C-alpha cells in the first residue's frame, strides 16, 4: 500500500516528528511504501527507507496543490488538527494529537482518529462527530528504570505556540516551592525542542536563576531515555490555567514507577 503521512514540521527533536518517524518505520516494516509530506524538515529527522516529500503551506494555493497530491496515496494520514485541505486518497484519516479550539473545515473528507481517549472524548464533544481511537506507537522496550534521583522532569516543546507546555509557569512553581524549602535536594530539568527563539529561552533561564533548574534543548533519544529513567517525578502542564503559578488548574505531578510513569 502507498501511504502518505502529513507532518507540517518534521523536526528531529519534536514529539510529533518522533511519533511520525516511528509510525513510518513500522508501516515500512509491514511492507508498505511510505512518504512523509512536510513543509519544514531538519537533518536527522529522516528515516531510512522513508521518502521525504517537501510541500508548501497547507493554506491558499499551495494547500490546493497539497490536496491534489493526496490522490497519489492509498492511505493519507493528515496530522494537522485544522485539516486545512481536503484529501482525495482512497482512504483519508485525520489523526489528531492536539485538540483544536474550533471544528476544522473539510472534515467530511476524513475518518477522524484521536491519539488518546482524552483526545477522542474532547473531539466528540467539540466536533459532534464520530471519532475513533488510534494511539501512536511507542518504543517501550527502549525505556528502563534506573536508580531514582530527586529529579523532576518535563519534556516538551519550549515556546510552542500551537500546543503551549506552560514551562514558564512550571519554572515559577518549582522556584516558589524551592525558595520555601519544600523541595530540599530536588532539581528541575526541562528537555525539548526550542520553538520560542533565543529571546524566549533567555527569559526561561532568567526566571530559573537562583534555583536548581537546568535545560536540555534538542536532547538526543539516548539522553531522554536516561532522564526518564532517573526522574522521580514527571511534570506536565499543557492545559494549566495561565497566570496561576500558585495553583495551576490541571497540573498533576506524576510519580514515575518502574520507568513507566
Protein backbone atom coordinates (compact mmCIF):
# COMPACT_ATOMS: atom_id res chain seq x y z
CA UNK A 1 0.00 0.00 0.00
CA UNK A 2 1.20 3.52 -0.79
CA UNK A 3 0.88 5.66 2.36
CA UNK A 4 1.41 9.38 2.91
CA UNK A 5 1.86 10.92 6.37
CA UNK A 6 1.47 14.68 6.67
CA UNK A 7 3.58 16.31 9.40
CA UNK A 8 3.91 20.06 8.85
CA UNK A 9 7.10 20.48 10.91
CA UNK A 10 9.29 17.38 10.67
CA UNK A 11 11.86 18.36 13.32
CA UNK A 12 14.38 15.91 14.71
CA UNK A 13 13.54 16.52 18.39
CA UNK A 14 9.85 17.35 18.11
CA UNK A 15 7.41 14.94 19.76
CA UNK A 16 5.09 14.74 16.76
CA UNK A 17 8.08 14.18 14.48
CA UNK A 18 9.23 11.25 16.60
CA UNK A 19 5.75 9.72 16.52
CA UNK A 20 5.57 10.26 12.75
CA UNK A 21 9.00 8.75 12.19
CA UNK A 22 8.20 5.69 14.29
CA UNK A 23 4.82 5.25 12.58
CA UNK A 24 6.51 5.48 9.17
CA UNK A 25 9.11 2.93 10.21
CA UNK A 26 6.50 0.47 11.50
CA UNK A 27 4.45 0.81 8.31
CA UNK A 28 7.54 0.32 6.15
CA UNK A 29 8.46 -2.82 8.10
CA UNK A 30 4.97 -4.10 7.30
CA UNK A 31 5.85 -3.81 3.61
CA UNK A 32 4.18 -0.50 2.71
CA UNK A 33 5.64 2.31 0.61
CA UNK A 34 5.71 5.32 2.94
CA UNK A 35 6.24 9.03 2.34
CA UNK A 36 6.28 11.88 4.86
CA UNK A 37 4.86 15.10 3.42
CA UNK A 38 6.25 18.13 5.24
CA UNK A 39 6.73 21.85 4.87
CA UNK A 40 9.86 22.01 7.02
CA UNK A 41 12.37 19.32 7.97
CA UNK A 42 15.69 19.26 9.81
CA UNK A 43 18.60 16.97 9.18
CA UNK A 44 18.34 13.87 11.30
CA UNK A 45 14.56 13.74 11.02
CA UNK A 46 14.59 11.36 8.06
CA UNK A 47 14.04 7.65 8.48
CA UNK A 48 15.94 5.13 6.39
CA UNK A 49 13.77 3.98 3.51
CA UNK A 50 11.15 6.71 4.06
CA UNK A 51 10.69 9.30 1.33
CA UNK A 52 10.58 12.94 2.47
CA UNK A 53 8.29 14.93 0.17
CA UNK A 54 8.59 18.70 0.64
CA UNK A 55 5.32 20.58 0.20
CA UNK A 56 4.15 24.15 0.67
CA UNK A 57 1.97 25.61 3.44
CA UNK A 58 -1.48 23.99 3.81
CA UNK A 59 -3.27 27.29 3.18
CA UNK A 60 -4.12 29.01 -0.10
CA UNK A 61 -2.81 27.90 -3.49
CA UNK A 62 -0.15 25.58 -2.06
CA UNK A 63 -2.87 23.96 0.05
CA UNK A 64 -4.85 23.23 -3.09
CA UNK A 65 -1.76 21.64 -4.66
CA UNK A 66 -1.29 19.60 -1.49
CA UNK A 67 -4.88 18.38 -1.72
CA UNK A 68 -4.23 17.23 -5.30
CA UNK A 69 -1.07 15.40 -4.15
CA UNK A 70 -3.10 13.29 -1.70
CA UNK A 71 -4.62 11.45 -4.67
CA UNK A 72 -1.26 9.68 -5.11
CA UNK A 73 -1.86 7.57 -1.99
CA UNK A 74 -3.94 4.58 -1.00
CA UNK A 75 -3.96 5.93 2.57
CA UNK A 76 -3.32 9.52 3.60
CA UNK A 77 -2.84 10.40 7.30
CA UNK A 78 -3.29 14.10 7.92
CA UNK A 79 -1.87 15.15 11.31
CA UNK A 80 -2.84 18.81 11.01
CA UNK A 81 -5.64 19.40 13.58
CA UNK A 82 -7.17 22.19 11.50
CA UNK A 83 -7.49 19.94 8.39
CA UNK A 84 -6.94 22.98 6.16
CA UNK A 85 -7.22 20.95 2.97
CA UNK A 86 -9.35 18.02 1.70
CA UNK A 87 -7.92 14.64 0.81
CA UNK A 88 -8.57 12.63 -2.34
CA UNK A 89 -6.70 9.47 -1.35
CA UNK A 90 -8.51 6.11 -1.45
CA UNK A 91 -8.62 6.29 2.35
CA UNK A 92 -8.14 9.50 4.32
CA UNK A 93 -7.58 9.69 8.08
CA UNK A 94 -7.32 12.80 10.23
CA UNK A 95 -5.10 11.75 13.14
CA UNK A 96 -5.49 14.33 15.90
CA UNK A 97 -2.79 14.71 18.57
CA UNK A 98 -3.88 18.09 19.98
CA UNK A 99 -7.49 19.26 20.21
CA UNK A 100 -8.11 22.48 18.20
CA UNK A 101 -10.45 25.13 19.52
CA UNK A 102 -12.79 25.07 16.53
CA UNK A 103 -14.21 22.43 14.22
CA UNK A 104 -11.98 22.29 11.10
CA UNK A 105 -13.03 22.61 7.52
CA UNK A 106 -13.08 19.62 5.16
CA UNK A 107 -13.89 17.21 7.98
CA UNK A 108 -16.23 15.30 5.67
CA UNK A 109 -13.21 14.05 3.70
CA UNK A 110 -11.65 12.25 6.67
CA UNK A 111 -12.12 9.42 9.10
CA UNK A 112 -11.24 11.08 12.42
CA UNK A 113 -8.89 9.38 14.90
CA UNK A 114 -7.79 10.58 18.33
CA UNK A 115 -4.38 9.69 19.74
CA UNK A 116 -5.79 9.05 23.24
CA UNK A 117 -9.12 8.52 24.99
CA UNK A 118 -8.88 12.07 26.31
CA UNK A 119 -8.44 13.46 22.78
CA UNK A 120 -11.19 11.18 21.48
CA UNK A 121 -13.70 12.37 24.10
CA UNK A 122 -12.83 16.05 23.66
CA UNK A 123 -13.18 15.80 19.88
CA UNK A 124 -16.55 14.10 20.14
CA UNK A 125 -17.89 16.79 22.46
CA UNK A 126 -16.47 19.71 20.44
CA UNK A 127 -16.94 18.50 16.88
CA UNK A 128 -20.12 16.42 17.37
CA UNK A 129 -18.65 13.85 15.01
CA UNK A 130 -17.68 10.17 15.28
CA UNK A 131 -14.09 9.79 16.48
CA UNK A 132 -12.13 6.54 16.73
CA UNK A 133 -9.08 5.78 18.85
CA UNK A 134 -5.59 5.22 17.41
CA UNK A 135 -2.71 5.59 19.92
CA UNK A 136 0.68 6.22 18.28
CA UNK A 137 3.35 3.52 18.55
CA UNK A 138 5.75 3.75 21.49
CA UNK A 139 9.13 2.04 21.80
CA UNK A 140 8.53 0.90 25.37
CA UNK A 141 11.39 -1.61 25.25
CA UNK A 142 13.84 1.28 24.94
CA UNK A 143 12.89 2.63 28.39
CA UNK A 144 14.08 1.06 31.61
CA UNK A 145 14.02 2.22 35.24
CA UNK A 146 17.26 3.42 36.80
CA UNK A 147 18.27 4.43 40.29
CA UNK A 148 15.91 7.32 41.02
CA UNK A 149 17.17 10.76 41.90
CA UNK A 150 15.45 13.79 43.35
CA UNK A 151 14.80 14.97 39.82
CA UNK A 152 11.59 16.45 38.38
CA UNK A 153 11.39 16.19 34.59
CA UNK A 154 9.30 18.00 31.97
CA UNK A 155 9.57 17.06 28.30
CA UNK A 156 8.00 19.09 25.52
CA UNK A 157 8.35 21.95 23.07
CA UNK A 158 9.72 25.12 24.67
CA UNK A 159 7.87 28.20 23.47
CA UNK A 160 5.39 26.28 21.34
CA UNK A 161 2.50 28.34 20.02
CA UNK A 162 0.03 25.66 18.93
CA UNK A 163 0.50 23.37 21.93
CA UNK A 164 2.00 25.50 24.74
CA UNK A 165 3.53 23.48 27.59
CA UNK A 166 3.46 26.36 30.12
CA UNK A 167 7.11 25.83 31.00
CA UNK A 168 7.42 29.36 32.43
CA UNK A 169 4.59 28.59 34.85
CA UNK A 170 6.28 25.34 35.89
CA UNK A 171 9.63 27.06 36.49
CA UNK A 172 7.92 29.65 38.69
CA UNK A 173 6.08 26.91 40.55
CA UNK A 174 9.28 24.95 41.21
CA UNK A 175 11.19 28.07 42.21
CA UNK A 176 8.41 29.06 44.61
CA UNK A 177 8.47 25.64 46.27
CA UNK A 178 12.28 25.61 46.34
CA UNK A 179 12.51 29.05 47.96
CA UNK A 180 10.02 27.99 50.62
CA UNK A 181 12.14 24.95 51.45
CA UNK A 182 9.52 22.48 50.25
CA UNK A 183 11.83 20.58 47.89
CA UNK A 184 15.18 20.10 49.63
CA UNK A 185 17.73 18.44 47.39
CA UNK A 186 15.43 18.39 44.34
CA UNK A 187 16.30 19.59 40.83
CA UNK A 188 14.01 20.53 37.95
CA UNK A 189 15.02 19.63 34.40
CA UNK A 190 13.30 20.69 31.16
CA UNK A 191 14.02 18.94 27.86
CA UNK A 192 12.59 19.68 24.44
CA UNK A 193 12.80 21.45 21.12
CA UNK A 194 13.13 25.25 21.29
CA UNK A 195 10.47 26.92 19.16
CA UNK A 196 10.20 30.22 21.04
CA UNK A 197 13.59 31.52 19.88
CA UNK A 198 16.59 32.81 21.79
CA UNK A 199 14.64 35.62 23.49
CA UNK A 200 12.18 33.12 25.00
CA UNK A 201 14.99 30.82 26.10
CA UNK A 202 16.77 33.78 27.74
CA UNK A 203 13.54 34.58 29.61
CA UNK A 204 13.27 31.00 30.87
CA UNK A 205 16.88 30.98 32.08
CA UNK A 206 16.40 34.37 33.75
CA UNK A 207 13.30 33.13 35.56
CA UNK A 208 15.16 29.99 36.67
CA UNK A 209 18.18 31.89 38.02
CA UNK A 210 18.96 31.09 41.63
CA UNK A 211 17.13 27.75 41.59
CA UNK A 212 18.40 24.26 40.65
CA UNK A 213 16.81 24.33 37.19
CA UNK A 214 18.54 23.02 34.05
CA UNK A 215 17.70 22.60 30.36
CA UNK A 216 18.32 20.13 27.54
CA UNK A 217 17.50 21.65 24.14
CA UNK A 218 17.14 19.10 21.32
CA UNK A 219 18.13 16.25 23.61
CA UNK A 220 19.04 13.02 21.83
CA UNK A 221 16.82 9.94 22.24
CA UNK A 222 19.52 8.32 24.38
CA UNK A 223 19.64 11.36 26.64
CA UNK A 224 15.86 11.38 27.01
CA UNK A 225 15.82 7.70 27.94
CA UNK A 226 18.41 8.41 30.63
CA UNK A 227 16.40 11.33 32.02
CA UNK A 228 13.16 9.34 32.05
CA UNK A 229 14.94 6.52 33.84
CA UNK A 230 16.40 8.76 36.56
CA UNK A 231 13.50 11.15 37.15
CA UNK A 232 11.35 10.54 40.22
CA UNK A 233 8.59 12.89 39.10
CA UNK A 234 7.20 13.93 35.72
CA UNK A 235 5.51 17.33 35.49
CA UNK A 236 3.06 18.20 32.73
CA UNK A 237 1.08 21.45 32.45
CA UNK A 238 -0.08 21.51 28.85
CA UNK A 239 -3.57 22.64 29.90
CA UNK A 240 -2.70 24.52 33.07
CA UNK A 241 -4.51 27.77 33.74
CA UNK A 242 -2.22 30.67 32.76
CA UNK A 243 -1.23 33.23 35.34
CA UNK A 244 -1.77 30.93 38.35
CA UNK A 245 1.66 29.66 39.33
CA UNK A 246 0.43 29.07 42.88
CA UNK A 247 -2.42 26.72 41.89
CA UNK A 248 -2.30 25.95 38.18
CA UNK A 249 -5.53 24.31 37.12
CA UNK A 250 -4.96 20.83 35.76
CA UNK A 251 -1.36 20.49 36.94
CA UNK A 252 -0.84 16.95 38.23
CA UNK A 253 2.62 15.86 39.40
CA UNK A 254 3.13 12.25 38.34
CA UNK A 255 5.47 9.91 40.15
CA UNK A 256 7.30 7.55 37.85
CA UNK A 257 7.22 3.91 38.95
CA UNK A 258 9.35 1.33 37.24
CA UNK A 259 10.08 3.74 34.42
CA UNK A 260 6.51 3.64 33.08
CA UNK A 261 5.04 6.76 34.77
